[in-house]
N, C-alpha and C. Protein backbone atom coordinates (compact mmCIF):
# COMPACT_ATOMS: atom_id res chain seq x y z
N UNK A 1 -42.84 16.28 15.38
CA UNK A 1 -42.44 15.47 16.52
C UNK A 1 -43.58 14.53 16.92
N UNK A 2 -44.83 15.04 16.78
CA UNK A 2 -45.98 14.21 17.12
C UNK A 2 -46.08 13.00 16.20
N UNK A 3 -45.82 13.23 14.89
CA UNK A 3 -45.85 12.12 13.92
C UNK A 3 -44.81 11.07 14.27
N UNK A 4 -43.62 11.51 14.66
CA UNK A 4 -42.54 10.58 15.01
C UNK A 4 -42.91 9.75 16.23
N UNK A 5 -43.48 10.39 17.25
CA UNK A 5 -43.84 9.64 18.46
C UNK A 5 -45.00 8.70 18.20
N UNK A 6 -45.92 9.09 17.32
CA UNK A 6 -47.03 8.20 16.96
C UNK A 6 -46.53 6.92 16.30
N UNK A 7 -45.54 7.08 15.41
CA UNK A 7 -45.00 5.92 14.68
C UNK A 7 -43.93 5.19 15.48
N UNK A 8 -43.49 5.74 16.59
CA UNK A 8 -42.48 5.09 17.41
C UNK A 8 -41.09 5.19 16.80
N UNK A 9 -40.86 6.23 15.99
CA UNK A 9 -39.57 6.44 15.34
C UNK A 9 -38.92 7.73 15.85
N UNK A 10 -37.75 8.04 15.30
CA UNK A 10 -37.01 9.23 15.73
C UNK A 10 -37.11 10.32 14.68
N UNK A 11 -37.12 11.58 15.13
CA UNK A 11 -37.11 12.73 14.24
C UNK A 11 -35.67 13.21 14.17
N UNK A 12 -35.07 13.12 12.97
CA UNK A 12 -33.66 13.47 12.80
C UNK A 12 -33.57 14.73 11.94
N UNK A 13 -32.80 15.71 12.43
CA UNK A 13 -32.62 16.96 11.70
C UNK A 13 -31.53 16.76 10.65
N UNK A 14 -31.89 16.91 9.37
CA UNK A 14 -30.95 16.67 8.28
C UNK A 14 -30.16 17.94 7.97
N UNK A 15 -30.86 19.05 7.76
CA UNK A 15 -30.22 20.32 7.41
C UNK A 15 -30.74 21.42 8.32
N UNK A 16 -30.01 21.74 9.40
CA UNK A 16 -30.50 22.73 10.36
C UNK A 16 -30.47 24.17 9.84
N UNK A 17 -29.62 24.47 8.85
CA UNK A 17 -29.47 25.84 8.37
C UNK A 17 -30.52 26.22 7.34
N UNK A 18 -31.22 25.25 6.80
CA UNK A 18 -32.27 25.54 5.81
C UNK A 18 -33.43 26.26 6.48
N UNK A 19 -34.23 26.94 5.68
CA UNK A 19 -35.38 27.65 6.23
C UNK A 19 -36.64 27.14 5.56
N UNK A 20 -37.51 26.39 6.17
CA UNK A 20 -37.45 25.83 7.53
C UNK A 20 -36.47 24.65 7.59
N UNK A 21 -35.99 24.27 8.80
CA UNK A 21 -35.04 23.15 8.93
C UNK A 21 -35.63 21.84 8.38
N UNK A 22 -34.76 21.07 7.68
CA UNK A 22 -35.21 19.82 7.07
C UNK A 22 -35.05 18.69 8.08
N UNK A 23 -36.13 17.93 8.30
CA UNK A 23 -36.09 16.81 9.24
C UNK A 23 -36.63 15.56 8.56
N UNK A 24 -36.28 14.41 9.13
CA UNK A 24 -36.69 13.14 8.56
C UNK A 24 -37.09 12.21 9.70
N UNK A 25 -38.14 11.44 9.48
CA UNK A 25 -38.58 10.48 10.49
C UNK A 25 -38.01 9.11 10.12
N UNK A 26 -37.06 8.63 10.94
CA UNK A 26 -36.42 7.33 10.68
C UNK A 26 -36.17 6.62 12.00
N UNK A 27 -35.84 5.34 11.89
CA UNK A 27 -35.40 4.56 13.06
C UNK A 27 -33.89 4.80 13.15
N UNK A 28 -33.45 5.63 14.09
CA UNK A 28 -32.07 6.07 14.16
C UNK A 28 -31.10 4.93 14.42
N UNK A 29 -31.47 3.98 15.28
CA UNK A 29 -30.59 2.83 15.58
C UNK A 29 -30.36 2.01 14.32
N UNK A 30 -31.43 1.80 13.54
CA UNK A 30 -31.32 1.04 12.30
C UNK A 30 -30.43 1.79 11.30
N UNK A 31 -30.58 3.11 11.26
CA UNK A 31 -29.77 3.94 10.37
C UNK A 31 -28.28 3.82 10.72
N UNK A 32 -27.95 3.89 12.02
CA UNK A 32 -26.55 3.74 12.46
C UNK A 32 -26.01 2.36 12.11
N UNK A 33 -26.83 1.33 12.31
CA UNK A 33 -26.43 -0.04 12.01
C UNK A 33 -26.09 -0.18 10.52
N UNK A 34 -26.96 0.34 9.66
CA UNK A 34 -26.72 0.24 8.21
C UNK A 34 -25.50 1.04 7.78
N UNK A 35 -25.28 2.18 8.43
CA UNK A 35 -24.11 3.00 8.11
C UNK A 35 -22.82 2.25 8.47
N UNK A 36 -22.79 1.61 9.64
CA UNK A 36 -21.63 0.82 10.06
C UNK A 36 -21.40 -0.34 9.09
N UNK A 37 -22.48 -0.96 8.65
CA UNK A 37 -22.40 -2.08 7.72
C UNK A 37 -21.79 -1.63 6.39
N UNK A 38 -22.22 -0.46 5.89
CA UNK A 38 -21.67 0.09 4.63
C UNK A 38 -20.19 0.38 4.77
N UNK A 39 -19.79 0.98 5.91
CA UNK A 39 -18.38 1.29 6.15
C UNK A 39 -17.53 0.03 6.19
N UNK A 40 -18.06 -1.03 6.78
CA UNK A 40 -17.34 -2.30 6.87
C UNK A 40 -17.11 -2.88 5.48
N UNK A 41 -18.13 -2.81 4.62
CA UNK A 41 -18.01 -3.31 3.24
C UNK A 41 -16.97 -2.50 2.48
N UNK A 42 -17.00 -1.18 2.63
CA UNK A 42 -16.03 -0.32 1.95
C UNK A 42 -14.60 -0.62 2.41
N UNK A 43 -14.44 -0.88 3.70
CA UNK A 43 -13.12 -1.18 4.25
C UNK A 43 -12.61 -2.52 3.71
N UNK A 44 -13.51 -3.48 3.54
CA UNK A 44 -13.12 -4.79 3.02
C UNK A 44 -12.70 -4.69 1.56
N UNK A 45 -13.33 -3.79 0.82
CA UNK A 45 -13.00 -3.64 -0.60
C UNK A 45 -11.70 -2.88 -0.83
N UNK A 46 -11.27 -2.10 0.16
CA UNK A 46 -10.05 -1.31 0.03
C UNK A 46 -8.85 -2.25 -0.11
N UNK A 47 -7.96 -1.92 -1.03
CA UNK A 47 -6.81 -2.79 -1.27
C UNK A 47 -5.74 -2.57 -0.21
N UNK A 48 -5.18 -3.66 0.24
CA UNK A 48 -4.13 -3.60 1.24
C UNK A 48 -2.79 -3.72 0.52
N UNK A 49 -1.86 -2.84 0.88
CA UNK A 49 -0.56 -2.82 0.23
C UNK A 49 0.34 -3.85 0.90
N UNK A 50 0.86 -4.77 0.11
CA UNK A 50 1.77 -5.80 0.60
C UNK A 50 3.18 -5.42 0.15
N UNK A 51 4.13 -5.44 1.07
CA UNK A 51 5.52 -5.12 0.74
C UNK A 51 6.35 -6.38 0.91
N UNK A 52 6.98 -6.82 -0.18
CA UNK A 52 7.88 -7.98 -0.14
C UNK A 52 9.32 -7.48 -0.17
N UNK A 53 10.19 -8.17 0.55
CA UNK A 53 11.59 -7.75 0.63
C UNK A 53 12.50 -8.76 -0.04
N UNK A 54 13.54 -8.24 -0.69
CA UNK A 54 14.59 -9.07 -1.27
C UNK A 54 15.92 -8.50 -0.81
N UNK A 55 16.76 -9.36 -0.25
CA UNK A 55 18.04 -8.91 0.31
C UNK A 55 19.20 -9.39 -0.55
N UNK A 56 20.10 -8.47 -0.83
CA UNK A 56 21.31 -8.78 -1.57
C UNK A 56 22.52 -8.44 -0.72
N UNK A 57 23.66 -9.02 -1.07
CA UNK A 57 24.93 -8.61 -0.51
C UNK A 57 25.65 -7.80 -1.57
N UNK A 58 26.67 -7.02 -1.20
CA UNK A 58 27.35 -6.20 -2.21
C UNK A 58 28.06 -7.03 -3.27
N UNK A 59 28.46 -8.25 -2.94
CA UNK A 59 29.16 -9.10 -3.90
C UNK A 59 28.30 -10.30 -4.29
N UNK A 60 27.00 -10.08 -4.48
CA UNK A 60 26.08 -11.16 -4.84
C UNK A 60 26.47 -11.73 -6.20
N UNK A 61 26.56 -13.06 -6.26
CA UNK A 61 26.93 -13.77 -7.49
C UNK A 61 25.82 -13.64 -8.53
N UNK A 62 26.17 -13.80 -9.79
CA UNK A 62 25.22 -13.63 -10.89
C UNK A 62 24.06 -14.62 -10.80
N UNK A 63 24.34 -15.88 -10.45
CA UNK A 63 23.28 -16.89 -10.35
C UNK A 63 22.29 -16.53 -9.24
N UNK A 64 22.83 -16.11 -8.08
CA UNK A 64 21.97 -15.72 -6.96
C UNK A 64 21.12 -14.50 -7.34
N UNK A 65 21.75 -13.57 -8.06
CA UNK A 65 21.03 -12.37 -8.51
C UNK A 65 19.85 -12.76 -9.41
N UNK A 66 20.09 -13.64 -10.37
CA UNK A 66 19.02 -14.06 -11.29
C UNK A 66 17.90 -14.77 -10.53
N UNK A 67 18.28 -15.61 -9.57
CA UNK A 67 17.30 -16.34 -8.76
C UNK A 67 16.40 -15.36 -8.00
N UNK A 68 17.01 -14.35 -7.38
CA UNK A 68 16.25 -13.37 -6.61
C UNK A 68 15.45 -12.45 -7.53
N UNK A 69 15.95 -12.22 -8.72
CA UNK A 69 15.22 -11.38 -9.69
C UNK A 69 13.93 -12.07 -10.11
N UNK A 70 13.96 -13.41 -10.25
CA UNK A 70 12.75 -14.17 -10.60
C UNK A 70 11.70 -14.02 -9.51
N UNK A 71 12.14 -14.05 -8.25
CA UNK A 71 11.21 -13.85 -7.14
C UNK A 71 10.62 -12.43 -7.19
N UNK A 72 11.46 -11.46 -7.49
CA UNK A 72 11.01 -10.07 -7.58
C UNK A 72 9.95 -9.92 -8.67
N UNK A 73 10.18 -10.57 -9.82
CA UNK A 73 9.20 -10.54 -10.92
C UNK A 73 7.87 -11.11 -10.47
N UNK A 74 7.92 -12.23 -9.74
CA UNK A 74 6.70 -12.88 -9.25
C UNK A 74 5.95 -11.96 -8.30
N UNK A 75 6.69 -11.30 -7.38
CA UNK A 75 6.06 -10.39 -6.42
C UNK A 75 5.36 -9.24 -7.13
N UNK A 76 6.03 -8.66 -8.13
CA UNK A 76 5.45 -7.52 -8.85
C UNK A 76 4.24 -7.95 -9.68
N UNK A 77 4.29 -9.16 -10.24
CA UNK A 77 3.14 -9.66 -11.02
C UNK A 77 1.94 -9.90 -10.11
N UNK A 78 2.21 -10.30 -8.85
CA UNK A 78 1.13 -10.52 -7.90
C UNK A 78 0.56 -9.21 -7.35
N UNK A 79 1.21 -8.07 -7.68
CA UNK A 79 0.70 -6.77 -7.25
C UNK A 79 1.27 -6.27 -5.94
N UNK A 80 2.35 -6.87 -5.46
CA UNK A 80 2.96 -6.42 -4.20
C UNK A 80 4.08 -5.42 -4.50
N UNK A 81 4.31 -4.51 -3.56
CA UNK A 81 5.44 -3.60 -3.69
C UNK A 81 6.70 -4.38 -3.35
N UNK A 82 7.82 -3.95 -3.90
CA UNK A 82 9.08 -4.65 -3.68
C UNK A 82 10.07 -3.72 -2.99
N UNK A 83 10.65 -4.23 -1.92
CA UNK A 83 11.71 -3.49 -1.22
C UNK A 83 12.98 -4.30 -1.41
N UNK A 84 13.84 -3.82 -2.31
CA UNK A 84 15.11 -4.49 -2.56
C UNK A 84 16.19 -3.74 -1.79
N UNK A 85 17.01 -4.48 -1.05
CA UNK A 85 18.07 -3.79 -0.33
C UNK A 85 19.35 -4.61 -0.32
N UNK A 86 20.47 -3.87 -0.25
CA UNK A 86 21.79 -4.47 -0.13
C UNK A 86 22.24 -4.23 1.29
N UNK A 87 22.59 -5.32 1.98
CA UNK A 87 23.02 -5.23 3.37
C UNK A 87 24.55 -5.33 3.42
N UNK A 88 25.17 -4.33 4.01
CA UNK A 88 26.63 -4.31 4.11
C UNK A 88 27.04 -4.79 5.50
N UNK A 89 27.79 -5.92 5.53
CA UNK A 89 28.25 -6.49 6.80
C UNK A 89 29.70 -6.05 7.03
N UNK A 90 29.99 -5.66 8.24
CA UNK A 90 31.38 -5.35 8.61
C UNK A 90 32.02 -4.31 7.72
N UNK A 91 33.15 -4.68 7.11
CA UNK A 91 33.90 -3.72 6.29
C UNK A 91 33.42 -3.69 4.83
N UNK A 92 32.39 -4.45 4.52
CA UNK A 92 31.92 -4.48 3.13
C UNK A 92 31.26 -3.15 2.73
N UNK A 93 31.15 -2.20 3.66
CA UNK A 93 30.57 -0.90 3.36
C UNK A 93 31.41 -0.15 2.31
N UNK A 94 32.68 -0.57 2.15
CA UNK A 94 33.52 0.08 1.14
C UNK A 94 33.03 -0.24 -0.28
N UNK A 95 32.15 -1.24 -0.43
CA UNK A 95 31.63 -1.61 -1.75
C UNK A 95 30.25 -0.99 -2.02
N UNK A 96 29.97 0.17 -1.41
CA UNK A 96 28.63 0.73 -1.58
C UNK A 96 28.32 1.09 -3.02
N UNK A 97 29.35 1.41 -3.82
CA UNK A 97 29.10 1.68 -5.24
C UNK A 97 28.65 0.41 -5.97
N UNK A 98 29.20 -0.76 -5.59
CA UNK A 98 28.76 -2.03 -6.18
C UNK A 98 27.31 -2.33 -5.80
N UNK A 99 26.95 -2.02 -4.56
CA UNK A 99 25.57 -2.22 -4.12
C UNK A 99 24.60 -1.36 -4.90
N UNK A 100 24.97 -0.11 -5.14
CA UNK A 100 24.10 0.79 -5.91
C UNK A 100 23.97 0.30 -7.35
N UNK A 101 25.06 -0.15 -7.94
CA UNK A 101 25.03 -0.67 -9.31
C UNK A 101 24.10 -1.88 -9.38
N UNK A 102 24.18 -2.75 -8.38
CA UNK A 102 23.33 -3.95 -8.31
C UNK A 102 21.85 -3.57 -8.30
N UNK A 103 21.48 -2.60 -7.45
CA UNK A 103 20.08 -2.19 -7.33
C UNK A 103 19.60 -1.49 -8.62
N UNK A 104 20.44 -0.67 -9.21
CA UNK A 104 20.05 0.01 -10.45
C UNK A 104 19.89 -0.99 -11.60
N UNK A 105 20.72 -2.03 -11.59
CA UNK A 105 20.60 -3.10 -12.60
C UNK A 105 19.26 -3.82 -12.44
N UNK A 106 18.89 -4.11 -11.18
CA UNK A 106 17.61 -4.75 -10.90
C UNK A 106 16.45 -3.86 -11.37
N UNK A 107 16.55 -2.57 -11.09
CA UNK A 107 15.49 -1.64 -11.49
C UNK A 107 15.35 -1.60 -13.01
N UNK A 108 16.45 -1.58 -13.72
CA UNK A 108 16.37 -1.51 -15.19
C UNK A 108 15.83 -2.80 -15.79
N UNK A 109 16.12 -3.94 -15.16
CA UNK A 109 15.63 -5.22 -15.68
C UNK A 109 14.16 -5.47 -15.33
N UNK A 110 13.68 -4.81 -14.29
CA UNK A 110 12.26 -4.96 -13.90
C UNK A 110 11.42 -3.78 -14.39
N UNK A 111 11.95 -3.01 -15.33
CA UNK A 111 11.29 -1.78 -15.79
C UNK A 111 9.90 -2.02 -16.36
N UNK A 112 9.72 -3.13 -17.10
CA UNK A 112 8.41 -3.39 -17.72
C UNK A 112 7.37 -3.86 -16.71
N UNK A 113 7.79 -4.36 -15.55
CA UNK A 113 6.85 -4.84 -14.53
C UNK A 113 6.53 -3.80 -13.46
N UNK A 114 7.48 -2.93 -13.16
CA UNK A 114 7.25 -1.95 -12.11
C UNK A 114 8.08 -0.71 -12.29
N UNK A 115 7.69 0.34 -11.59
CA UNK A 115 8.45 1.59 -11.66
C UNK A 115 9.11 1.86 -10.32
N UNK A 116 10.28 2.48 -10.36
CA UNK A 116 11.03 2.76 -9.15
C UNK A 116 10.32 3.87 -8.38
N UNK A 117 9.98 3.56 -7.14
CA UNK A 117 9.29 4.52 -6.29
C UNK A 117 10.30 5.36 -5.51
N UNK A 118 11.39 4.72 -5.12
CA UNK A 118 12.46 5.42 -4.41
C UNK A 118 13.79 4.90 -4.92
N UNK A 119 14.64 5.78 -5.38
CA UNK A 119 15.96 5.39 -5.89
C UNK A 119 16.81 4.85 -4.73
N UNK A 120 17.88 4.09 -5.03
CA UNK A 120 18.72 3.53 -3.96
C UNK A 120 19.24 4.62 -3.03
N UNK A 121 19.04 4.38 -1.72
CA UNK A 121 19.45 5.35 -0.71
C UNK A 121 20.10 4.60 0.44
N UNK A 122 21.25 5.08 0.87
CA UNK A 122 21.99 4.43 1.95
C UNK A 122 21.46 4.90 3.30
N UNK A 123 21.04 3.94 4.12
CA UNK A 123 20.56 4.22 5.47
C UNK A 123 21.31 3.31 6.43
N UNK A 124 22.33 3.83 7.04
CA UNK A 124 23.14 3.01 7.95
C UNK A 124 23.90 1.96 7.18
N UNK A 125 23.64 0.67 7.46
CA UNK A 125 24.34 -0.41 6.76
C UNK A 125 23.51 -0.98 5.62
N UNK A 126 22.40 -0.33 5.27
CA UNK A 126 21.52 -0.81 4.20
C UNK A 126 21.40 0.22 3.09
N UNK A 127 21.37 -0.26 1.86
CA UNK A 127 21.03 0.60 0.73
C UNK A 127 19.70 0.08 0.21
N UNK A 128 18.66 0.91 0.31
CA UNK A 128 17.30 0.46 0.04
C UNK A 128 16.73 1.12 -1.21
N UNK A 129 15.89 0.34 -1.93
CA UNK A 129 15.19 0.86 -3.09
C UNK A 129 13.80 0.24 -3.12
N UNK A 130 12.78 1.05 -3.45
CA UNK A 130 11.40 0.56 -3.53
C UNK A 130 10.95 0.55 -4.99
N UNK A 131 10.26 -0.54 -5.37
CA UNK A 131 9.69 -0.66 -6.71
C UNK A 131 8.21 -0.97 -6.55
N UNK A 132 7.37 -0.17 -7.20
CA UNK A 132 5.92 -0.38 -7.15
C UNK A 132 5.47 -1.05 -8.45
N UNK A 133 4.51 -1.98 -8.38
CA UNK A 133 4.06 -2.64 -9.60
C UNK A 133 3.31 -1.66 -10.51
N UNK A 134 3.43 -1.85 -11.81
CA UNK A 134 2.68 -1.02 -12.75
C UNK A 134 1.25 -1.50 -12.75
N UNK A 135 0.32 -0.56 -12.79
CA UNK A 135 -1.10 -0.93 -12.79
C UNK A 135 -1.49 -1.48 -14.14
N UNK A 136 -2.36 -2.50 -14.11
CA UNK A 136 -2.80 -3.14 -15.34
C UNK A 136 -3.93 -2.33 -15.94
N UNK A 137 -3.85 -2.08 -17.25
CA UNK A 137 -4.87 -1.26 -17.93
C UNK A 137 -5.77 -2.12 -18.78
């Protein structure tokens, strides 16, 4: 403790259970500052998950489907997750089998770009499916 006060620094206990306890003489404020700085850099390097959505109707035309599929391919190539869903308006809920076929068709055609994370599932008036991009090796 005398050495620490002579140098104007702090005595920090590293391992209290050791015999004798391990201590270090450091500038504690500077240590905290550097630790926060390291955490900030690590947080910046962490990848953020982006989710893109594509909406279909149960009776989506073939041309519209192809157009939206091209967008889905672009999203998966950019590394974003894809949330494809079929929205049933009014009485169109009777076509839920067509909606599921549409989503499964999309999943099979995007197989080389991404893998299905969640199979089509009906939630209220929406049938949702998630596709995650395949990692590049």
